[in-house]
């Protein structure tokens, strides 16, 4: 199982699933996660490069989600069951 703390800027990952925790929270009634889960479902099967590491050591990617309002979406890579490292 991959460890997100080992990721570095420039590493590439492939999103393979929506994190179970996000799905559980949405099913439990969290309106906050509705848009996030929608974007995550759209990301499944796509590859992304790690764009930055935040002050807490979490790696982030910028998505290419086509937001109708032109907003940029970024996601922290936390759940190790939802992504795989793409070999160089």
Protein backbone atom coordinates (compact mmCIF):
# COMPACT_ATOMS: atom_id res chain seq x y z
CA UNK A 1 0.00 0.00 0.00
CA UNK A 2 1.57 3.33 -1.01
CA UNK A 3 2.46 5.89 1.65
CA UNK A 4 1.55 9.48 0.70
CA UNK A 5 4.34 10.84 2.93
CA UNK A 6 6.91 9.39 0.51
CA UNK A 7 5.64 11.47 -2.43
CA UNK A 8 7.73 14.38 -3.70
CA UNK A 9 6.98 17.29 -6.04
CA UNK A 10 6.99 15.97 -9.60
CA UNK A 11 6.08 12.37 -8.70
CA UNK A 12 3.17 11.09 -10.76
CA UNK A 13 0.19 9.23 -9.38
CA UNK A 14 -2.89 7.62 -10.92
CA UNK A 15 -6.18 7.99 -9.08
CA UNK A 16 -7.77 4.52 -8.91
CA UNK A 17 -10.74 5.08 -6.58
CA UNK A 18 -12.64 7.61 -4.52
CA UNK A 19 -11.40 7.35 -0.92
CA UNK A 20 -13.74 5.25 1.22
CA UNK A 21 -13.71 7.88 3.95
CA UNK A 22 -15.04 10.53 1.58
CA UNK A 23 -17.79 8.23 0.35
CA UNK A 24 -18.71 7.32 3.93
CA UNK A 25 -18.85 10.99 4.98
CA UNK A 26 -21.03 11.87 1.99
CA UNK A 27 -23.40 8.98 2.74
CA UNK A 28 -23.53 10.20 6.35
CA UNK A 29 -24.94 13.52 5.21
CA UNK A 30 -21.95 15.81 4.64
CA UNK A 31 -22.98 18.41 2.06
CA UNK A 32 -19.39 19.70 2.08
CA UNK A 33 -18.10 16.57 0.35
CA UNK A 34 -20.68 16.39 -2.44
CA UNK A 35 -18.62 18.51 -4.86
CA UNK A 36 -15.37 16.90 -3.72
CA UNK A 37 -16.64 13.37 -4.37
CA UNK A 38 -17.97 14.45 -7.79
CA UNK A 39 -14.52 15.78 -8.76
CA UNK A 40 -12.79 12.71 -7.31
CA UNK A 41 -15.03 10.41 -9.36
CA UNK A 42 -14.05 12.42 -12.43
CA UNK A 43 -10.34 12.04 -11.54
CA UNK A 44 -10.42 8.22 -11.37
CA UNK A 45 -8.22 6.72 -14.09
CA UNK A 46 -6.26 9.93 -14.70
CA UNK A 47 -2.64 10.72 -13.84
CA UNK A 48 -1.47 13.78 -11.92
CA UNK A 49 1.93 15.16 -10.88
CA UNK A 50 2.44 16.24 -7.30
CA UNK A 51 2.41 20.04 -7.44
CA UNK A 52 3.43 20.94 -3.89
CA UNK A 53 3.83 19.67 -0.35
CA UNK A 54 2.02 21.72 2.29
CA UNK A 55 3.29 22.77 5.71
CA UNK A 56 1.86 19.57 7.22
CA UNK A 57 3.70 17.29 4.76
CA UNK A 58 0.60 16.52 2.65
CA UNK A 59 1.22 16.24 -1.11
CA UNK A 60 -1.22 18.11 -3.40
CA UNK A 61 -2.16 17.87 -7.06
CA UNK A 62 -3.87 20.41 -9.28
CA UNK A 63 -6.70 18.77 -11.17
CA UNK A 64 -7.73 19.47 -14.73
CA UNK A 65 -11.41 19.29 -13.82
CA UNK A 66 -13.36 21.44 -16.30
CA UNK A 67 -15.13 23.75 -13.87
CA UNK A 68 -17.85 25.77 -15.65
CA UNK A 69 -16.90 28.85 -13.62
CA UNK A 70 -13.20 28.44 -14.38
CA UNK A 71 -12.23 27.62 -10.80
CA UNK A 72 -9.08 25.59 -10.22
CA UNK A 73 -9.41 22.46 -8.11
CA UNK A 74 -6.64 20.94 -6.01
CA UNK A 75 -6.69 17.79 -3.92
CA UNK A 76 -4.51 16.62 -1.05
CA UNK A 77 -3.29 13.06 -1.48
CA UNK A 78 -4.07 11.34 1.79
CA UNK A 79 -5.82 8.02 1.34
CA UNK A 80 -3.37 5.36 0.24
CA UNK A 81 -6.07 3.07 -1.23
CA UNK A 82 -7.23 5.63 -3.79
CA UNK A 83 -4.04 6.10 -5.83
CA UNK A 84 -0.95 4.33 -7.15
CA UNK A 85 2.48 5.67 -7.99
CA UNK A 86 3.17 5.83 -11.72
CA UNK A 87 6.67 4.43 -12.42
CA UNK A 88 9.14 6.78 -14.09
